[in-house]
């Protein structure tokens, strides 16, 4: 990145960043319990920052046409989560650092830890 180029969140898309939340409890219902975590930026809009949420657990659906779910049987899916701008304290970007700049989609060392012990 040139010294003359201003940094914007657009430069972090597809990179791994460190997100520090100022209100972590707002995201607890979706399983994000840490105040700070590394994640891949997928995009952004006026509402917030869209990030990768690998291995999110969803209940298994009974049949394609059914509205029945089996909560005891979970499947892991790749999801995205929108973090509202108001919940974010800061985002640290590490441009041109190996492993953080346009990482492999197969790298699973990023994401969130589920605190649910049930």
N, C-alpha and C. Protein backbone atom coordinates (compact mmCIF):
# COMPACT_ATOMS: atom_id res chain seq x y z
N UNK A 1 0.84 -1.17 0.00
CA UNK A 1 0.00 0.00 0.00
C UNK A 1 0.89 1.24 0.00
N UNK A 2 0.61 2.16 -0.85
CA UNK A 2 1.36 3.40 -0.97
C UNK A 2 1.14 4.28 0.24
N UNK A 3 2.17 5.06 0.60
CA UNK A 3 2.04 6.00 1.71
C UNK A 3 0.99 7.06 1.42
N UNK A 4 0.74 7.33 0.13
CA UNK A 4 -0.19 8.38 -0.25
C UNK A 4 -1.64 7.89 -0.28
N UNK A 5 -1.86 6.57 -0.23
CA UNK A 5 -3.21 6.03 -0.32
C UNK A 5 -3.85 5.99 1.07
N UNK A 6 -5.05 6.55 1.18
CA UNK A 6 -5.75 6.54 2.45
C UNK A 6 -6.35 5.15 2.69
N UNK A 7 -6.23 4.67 3.91
CA UNK A 7 -6.78 3.38 4.27
C UNK A 7 -8.28 3.51 4.49
N UNK A 8 -9.05 2.58 3.90
CA UNK A 8 -10.49 2.48 4.14
C UNK A 8 -10.80 1.02 4.40
N UNK A 9 -11.98 0.75 4.92
CA UNK A 9 -12.38 -0.63 5.19
C UNK A 9 -12.43 -1.45 3.91
N UNK A 10 -12.61 -0.81 2.78
CA UNK A 10 -12.65 -1.53 1.50
C UNK A 10 -11.33 -2.26 1.24
N UNK A 11 -10.21 -1.73 1.76
CA UNK A 11 -8.91 -2.38 1.57
C UNK A 11 -8.80 -3.71 2.34
N UNK A 12 -9.67 -3.91 3.32
CA UNK A 12 -9.61 -5.11 4.15
C UNK A 12 -10.48 -6.25 3.65
N UNK A 13 -11.27 -6.03 2.60
CA UNK A 13 -12.14 -7.09 2.10
C UNK A 13 -11.29 -8.27 1.63
N UNK A 14 -11.67 -9.46 2.07
CA UNK A 14 -10.99 -10.74 1.82
C UNK A 14 -9.71 -10.90 2.62
N UNK A 15 -9.42 -10.00 3.54
CA UNK A 15 -8.27 -10.13 4.44
C UNK A 15 -8.76 -10.52 5.83
N UNK A 16 -7.85 -11.05 6.64
CA UNK A 16 -8.14 -11.34 8.04
C UNK A 16 -7.82 -10.08 8.84
N UNK A 17 -8.73 -9.72 9.73
CA UNK A 17 -8.56 -8.55 10.59
C UNK A 17 -8.79 -8.95 12.04
N UNK A 18 -8.35 -8.10 12.94
CA UNK A 18 -8.67 -8.24 14.36
C UNK A 18 -9.81 -7.28 14.65
N UNK A 19 -10.93 -7.81 15.12
CA UNK A 19 -12.08 -6.99 15.49
C UNK A 19 -12.13 -6.92 17.01
N UNK A 20 -12.26 -5.71 17.53
CA UNK A 20 -12.44 -5.50 18.97
C UNK A 20 -13.82 -4.88 19.15
N UNK A 21 -14.65 -5.57 19.92
CA UNK A 21 -16.02 -5.11 20.14
C UNK A 21 -16.09 -4.22 21.37
N UNK A 22 -16.93 -3.18 21.30
CA UNK A 22 -17.15 -2.38 22.50
C UNK A 22 -18.35 -2.89 23.28
N UNK A 23 -19.23 -3.63 22.61
CA UNK A 23 -20.39 -4.23 23.28
C UNK A 23 -20.51 -5.69 22.85
N UNK A 24 -19.65 -6.57 23.37
CA UNK A 24 -19.67 -7.98 22.93
C UNK A 24 -20.98 -8.70 23.22
N UNK A 25 -21.70 -8.28 24.26
CA UNK A 25 -22.94 -8.99 24.62
C UNK A 25 -24.00 -8.90 23.54
N UNK A 26 -23.92 -7.91 22.66
CA UNK A 26 -24.91 -7.77 21.59
C UNK A 26 -24.86 -8.95 20.60
N UNK A 27 -23.71 -9.62 20.50
CA UNK A 27 -23.57 -10.73 19.55
C UNK A 27 -23.62 -12.11 20.21
N UNK A 28 -23.80 -12.15 21.53
CA UNK A 28 -23.87 -13.44 22.22
C UNK A 28 -24.97 -14.36 21.69
N UNK A 29 -26.15 -13.84 21.31
CA UNK A 29 -27.20 -14.74 20.80
C UNK A 29 -26.80 -15.52 19.55
N UNK A 30 -25.83 -15.05 18.78
CA UNK A 30 -25.38 -15.79 17.60
C UNK A 30 -24.07 -16.55 17.87
N UNK A 31 -23.62 -16.57 19.12
CA UNK A 31 -22.46 -17.37 19.48
C UNK A 31 -21.13 -16.65 19.49
N UNK A 32 -21.11 -15.33 19.30
CA UNK A 32 -19.86 -14.57 19.38
C UNK A 32 -19.77 -14.02 20.79
N UNK A 33 -18.83 -14.56 21.58
CA UNK A 33 -18.74 -14.18 22.98
C UNK A 33 -17.43 -13.47 23.33
N UNK A 34 -16.46 -13.49 22.41
CA UNK A 34 -15.19 -12.85 22.70
C UNK A 34 -15.28 -11.35 22.45
N UNK A 35 -14.50 -10.60 23.22
CA UNK A 35 -14.42 -9.16 23.01
C UNK A 35 -13.56 -8.85 21.79
N UNK A 36 -12.56 -9.70 21.52
CA UNK A 36 -11.72 -9.52 20.34
C UNK A 36 -11.48 -10.87 19.68
N UNK A 37 -11.42 -10.85 18.35
CA UNK A 37 -11.26 -12.08 17.59
C UNK A 37 -10.76 -11.75 16.19
N UNK A 38 -10.13 -12.73 15.54
CA UNK A 38 -9.69 -12.61 14.16
C UNK A 38 -10.78 -13.18 13.26
N UNK A 39 -11.03 -12.51 12.16
CA UNK A 39 -12.02 -12.98 11.21
C UNK A 39 -11.72 -12.42 9.83
N UNK A 40 -12.27 -13.04 8.82
CA UNK A 40 -12.10 -12.58 7.45
C UNK A 40 -13.24 -11.62 7.09
N UNK A 41 -12.89 -10.46 6.54
CA UNK A 41 -13.89 -9.47 6.12
C UNK A 41 -14.44 -9.89 4.77
N UNK A 42 -15.77 -10.01 4.69
CA UNK A 42 -16.43 -10.37 3.44
C UNK A 42 -16.98 -9.14 2.73
N UNK A 43 -17.29 -8.10 3.49
CA UNK A 43 -17.84 -6.89 2.91
C UNK A 43 -18.30 -5.95 4.01
N UNK A 44 -18.94 -4.87 3.58
CA UNK A 44 -19.47 -3.90 4.53
C UNK A 44 -20.61 -3.14 3.86
N UNK A 45 -21.45 -2.55 4.69
CA UNK A 45 -22.50 -1.67 4.19
C UNK A 45 -22.77 -0.63 5.26
N UNK A 46 -23.82 0.16 5.08
CA UNK A 46 -24.09 1.23 6.02
C UNK A 46 -24.46 0.71 7.40
N UNK A 47 -24.88 -0.55 7.51
CA UNK A 47 -25.29 -1.13 8.77
C UNK A 47 -24.13 -1.69 9.58
N UNK A 48 -23.14 -2.29 8.89
CA UNK A 48 -22.04 -2.89 9.63
C UNK A 48 -21.06 -3.62 8.76
N UNK A 49 -20.23 -4.42 9.41
CA UNK A 49 -19.16 -5.18 8.79
C UNK A 49 -19.59 -6.63 8.64
N UNK A 50 -19.51 -7.17 7.41
CA UNK A 50 -19.86 -8.57 7.16
C UNK A 50 -18.59 -9.40 7.26
N UNK A 51 -18.63 -10.44 8.12
CA UNK A 51 -17.45 -11.26 8.37
C UNK A 51 -17.77 -12.74 8.21
N UNK A 52 -16.72 -13.50 7.98
CA UNK A 52 -16.84 -14.96 7.84
C UNK A 52 -17.11 -15.57 9.21
N UNK A 53 -18.03 -16.52 9.25
CA UNK A 53 -18.38 -17.23 10.48
C UNK A 53 -18.33 -18.71 10.16
N UNK A 54 -17.11 -19.30 10.12
CA UNK A 54 -16.98 -20.71 9.73
C UNK A 54 -17.53 -21.66 10.80
N UNK A 55 -18.00 -22.79 10.34
CA UNK A 55 -18.43 -23.88 11.22
C UNK A 55 -19.55 -23.48 12.19
N UNK A 56 -20.50 -22.67 11.73
CA UNK A 56 -21.65 -22.30 12.54
C UNK A 56 -22.57 -23.51 12.64
N UNK A 57 -23.10 -23.78 13.82
CA UNK A 57 -23.95 -24.95 14.01
C UNK A 57 -25.43 -24.61 13.84
N UNK A 58 -26.06 -25.32 12.92
CA UNK A 58 -27.49 -25.18 12.65
C UNK A 58 -28.18 -26.51 12.95
N UNK A 59 -29.44 -26.45 13.41
CA UNK A 59 -30.19 -27.70 13.57
C UNK A 59 -30.44 -28.34 12.20
N UNK A 60 -30.52 -29.65 12.18
CA UNK A 60 -30.78 -30.39 10.95
C UNK A 60 -32.27 -30.27 10.63
N UNK A 61 -32.56 -29.99 9.36
CA UNK A 61 -33.94 -29.85 8.89
C UNK A 61 -34.46 -31.21 8.45
N UNK A 62 -35.71 -31.53 8.78
CA UNK A 62 -36.33 -32.80 8.41
C UNK A 62 -37.01 -32.61 7.06
N UNK A 63 -36.40 -33.07 5.98
CA UNK A 63 -36.97 -32.96 4.64
C UNK A 63 -36.86 -31.55 4.07
N UNK A 64 -36.78 -31.46 2.75
CA UNK A 64 -36.59 -30.18 2.09
C UNK A 64 -37.82 -29.28 2.18
N UNK A 65 -39.01 -29.85 2.22
CA UNK A 65 -40.25 -29.07 2.24
C UNK A 65 -40.77 -28.84 3.66
N UNK A 66 -40.09 -29.37 4.66
CA UNK A 66 -40.59 -29.35 6.03
C UNK A 66 -40.14 -28.10 6.79
N UNK A 67 -40.95 -27.72 7.75
CA UNK A 67 -40.56 -26.67 8.70
C UNK A 67 -40.16 -27.27 10.04
N UNK A 68 -39.90 -28.57 10.06
CA UNK A 68 -39.50 -29.25 11.29
C UNK A 68 -37.98 -29.31 11.37
N UNK A 69 -37.46 -29.09 12.56
CA UNK A 69 -36.02 -29.09 12.80
C UNK A 69 -35.70 -30.05 13.93
N UNK A 70 -34.53 -30.64 13.89
CA UNK A 70 -34.08 -31.53 14.95
C UNK A 70 -32.99 -30.78 15.73
N UNK A 71 -33.34 -30.13 16.84
CA UNK A 71 -32.36 -29.32 17.54
C UNK A 71 -31.20 -30.11 18.14
N UNK A 72 -31.42 -31.42 18.41
CA UNK A 72 -30.33 -32.23 18.98
C UNK A 72 -29.28 -32.59 17.93
N UNK A 73 -29.65 -32.57 16.66
CA UNK A 73 -28.75 -32.92 15.57
C UNK A 73 -28.28 -31.63 14.89
N UNK A 74 -27.02 -31.36 15.02
CA UNK A 74 -26.49 -30.11 14.47
C UNK A 74 -25.62 -30.40 13.25
N UNK A 75 -25.63 -29.47 12.31
CA UNK A 75 -24.76 -29.53 11.15
C UNK A 75 -23.89 -28.28 11.15
N UNK A 76 -22.64 -28.41 10.76
CA UNK A 76 -21.76 -27.25 10.68
C UNK A 76 -21.81 -26.69 9.27
N UNK A 77 -22.05 -25.38 9.17
CA UNK A 77 -22.13 -24.69 7.89
C UNK A 77 -21.24 -23.46 7.93
N UNK A 78 -20.82 -23.01 6.77
CA UNK A 78 -20.11 -21.75 6.67
C UNK A 78 -21.16 -20.65 6.54
N UNK A 79 -21.06 -19.65 7.38
CA UNK A 79 -22.03 -18.56 7.41
C UNK A 79 -21.29 -17.23 7.38
N UNK A 80 -22.05 -16.18 7.27
CA UNK A 80 -21.49 -14.84 7.43
C UNK A 80 -22.30 -14.14 8.51
N UNK A 81 -21.65 -13.23 9.20
CA UNK A 81 -22.31 -12.49 10.27
C UNK A 81 -22.09 -11.00 10.03
N UNK A 82 -23.13 -10.22 10.30
CA UNK A 82 -23.00 -8.77 10.19
C UNK A 82 -22.81 -8.23 11.60
N UNK A 83 -21.70 -7.53 11.79
CA UNK A 83 -21.43 -6.90 13.07
C UNK A 83 -21.80 -5.43 12.94
N UNK A 84 -22.78 -4.95 13.69
CA UNK A 84 -23.19 -3.55 13.56
C UNK A 84 -22.04 -2.60 13.89
N UNK A 85 -21.94 -1.52 13.14
CA UNK A 85 -20.88 -0.54 13.38
C UNK A 85 -20.87 -0.07 14.83
N UNK A 86 -22.05 0.08 15.44
CA UNK A 86 -22.13 0.55 16.82
C UNK A 86 -21.54 -0.39 17.84
N UNK A 87 -21.38 -1.67 17.48
CA UNK A 87 -20.81 -2.66 18.39
C UNK A 87 -19.29 -2.75 18.28
N UNK A 88 -18.72 -2.16 17.23
CA UNK A 88 -17.29 -2.29 16.97
C UNK A 88 -16.52 -1.15 17.61
N UNK A 89 -15.50 -1.53 18.41
CA UNK A 89 -14.61 -0.54 18.99
C UNK A 89 -13.52 -0.16 18.01
N UNK A 90 -12.90 -1.18 17.39
CA UNK A 90 -11.86 -0.94 16.39
C UNK A 90 -11.67 -2.18 15.54
N UNK A 91 -11.09 -1.97 14.37
CA UNK A 91 -10.71 -3.05 13.46
C UNK A 91 -9.25 -2.83 13.12
N UNK A 92 -8.43 -3.85 13.35
CA UNK A 92 -7.02 -3.76 12.98
C UNK A 92 -6.79 -4.59 11.73
N UNK A 93 -6.18 -3.99 10.74
CA UNK A 93 -5.90 -4.64 9.46
C UNK A 93 -4.39 -4.82 9.35
N UNK A 94 -3.96 -5.91 8.75
CA UNK A 94 -2.54 -6.24 8.64
C UNK A 94 -2.17 -6.44 7.18
N UNK A 95 -2.16 -5.38 6.38
CA UNK A 95 -1.89 -5.54 4.95
C UNK A 95 -0.49 -6.07 4.70
N UNK A 96 -0.40 -6.95 3.73
CA UNK A 96 0.87 -7.53 3.29
C UNK A 96 1.55 -8.39 4.34
N UNK A 97 0.82 -8.85 5.35
CA UNK A 97 1.35 -9.79 6.33
C UNK A 97 0.89 -11.18 5.91
N UNK A 98 1.83 -12.08 5.69
CA UNK A 98 1.50 -13.42 5.22
C UNK A 98 0.51 -14.09 6.16
N UNK A 99 -0.52 -14.68 5.59
CA UNK A 99 -1.55 -15.35 6.37
C UNK A 99 -2.71 -14.46 6.75
N UNK A 100 -2.53 -13.16 6.64
CA UNK A 100 -3.60 -12.21 6.96
C UNK A 100 -4.05 -11.44 5.73
N UNK A 101 -3.23 -11.43 4.70
CA UNK A 101 -3.52 -10.72 3.46
C UNK A 101 -4.05 -11.70 2.44
N UNK A 102 -5.34 -11.63 2.13
CA UNK A 102 -6.00 -12.54 1.18
C UNK A 102 -5.71 -14.00 1.53
N UNK A 103 -6.14 -14.44 2.72
CA UNK A 103 -5.82 -15.80 3.15
C UNK A 103 -6.52 -16.88 2.34
N UNK A 104 -6.01 -18.08 2.45
CA UNK A 104 -6.62 -19.22 1.80
C UNK A 104 -8.01 -19.46 2.39
N UNK A 105 -9.00 -19.78 1.59
CA UNK A 105 -10.32 -20.07 2.14
C UNK A 105 -10.34 -21.37 2.95
N UNK A 106 -9.27 -22.13 2.88
CA UNK A 106 -9.20 -23.38 3.64
C UNK A 106 -8.59 -23.18 5.01
N UNK A 107 -8.14 -21.97 5.33
CA UNK A 107 -7.55 -21.68 6.63
C UNK A 107 -8.68 -21.55 7.64
N UNK A 108 -8.72 -22.42 8.60
CA UNK A 108 -9.79 -22.40 9.61
C UNK A 108 -9.28 -21.90 10.96
N UNK A 109 -8.15 -21.19 11.01
CA UNK A 109 -7.64 -20.68 12.26
C UNK A 109 -8.26 -19.34 12.62
N UNK A 110 -9.37 -19.00 11.94
CA UNK A 110 -10.07 -17.76 12.24
C UNK A 110 -11.48 -18.09 12.64
N UNK A 111 -12.14 -17.16 13.27
CA UNK A 111 -13.53 -17.35 13.62
C UNK A 111 -13.78 -17.20 15.10
N UNK A 112 -14.79 -17.89 15.59
CA UNK A 112 -15.29 -17.67 16.93
C UNK A 112 -15.32 -18.99 17.67
N UNK A 113 -15.27 -18.90 18.99
CA UNK A 113 -15.36 -20.07 19.84
C UNK A 113 -16.74 -20.10 20.45
N UNK A 114 -17.43 -21.22 20.33
CA UNK A 114 -18.76 -21.36 20.89
C UNK A 114 -18.63 -21.63 22.38
N UNK A 115 -19.23 -20.78 23.20
CA UNK A 115 -19.12 -20.93 24.65
C UNK A 115 -20.20 -21.83 25.21
N UNK A 116 -21.12 -22.30 24.38
CA UNK A 116 -22.20 -23.17 24.81
C UNK A 116 -21.63 -24.52 25.19
N UNK A 117 -21.77 -24.92 26.43
CA UNK A 117 -21.21 -26.19 26.89
C UNK A 117 -22.26 -27.28 27.01
N UNK A 118 -23.46 -27.03 26.50
CA UNK A 118 -24.51 -28.05 26.60
C UNK A 118 -24.32 -29.15 25.59
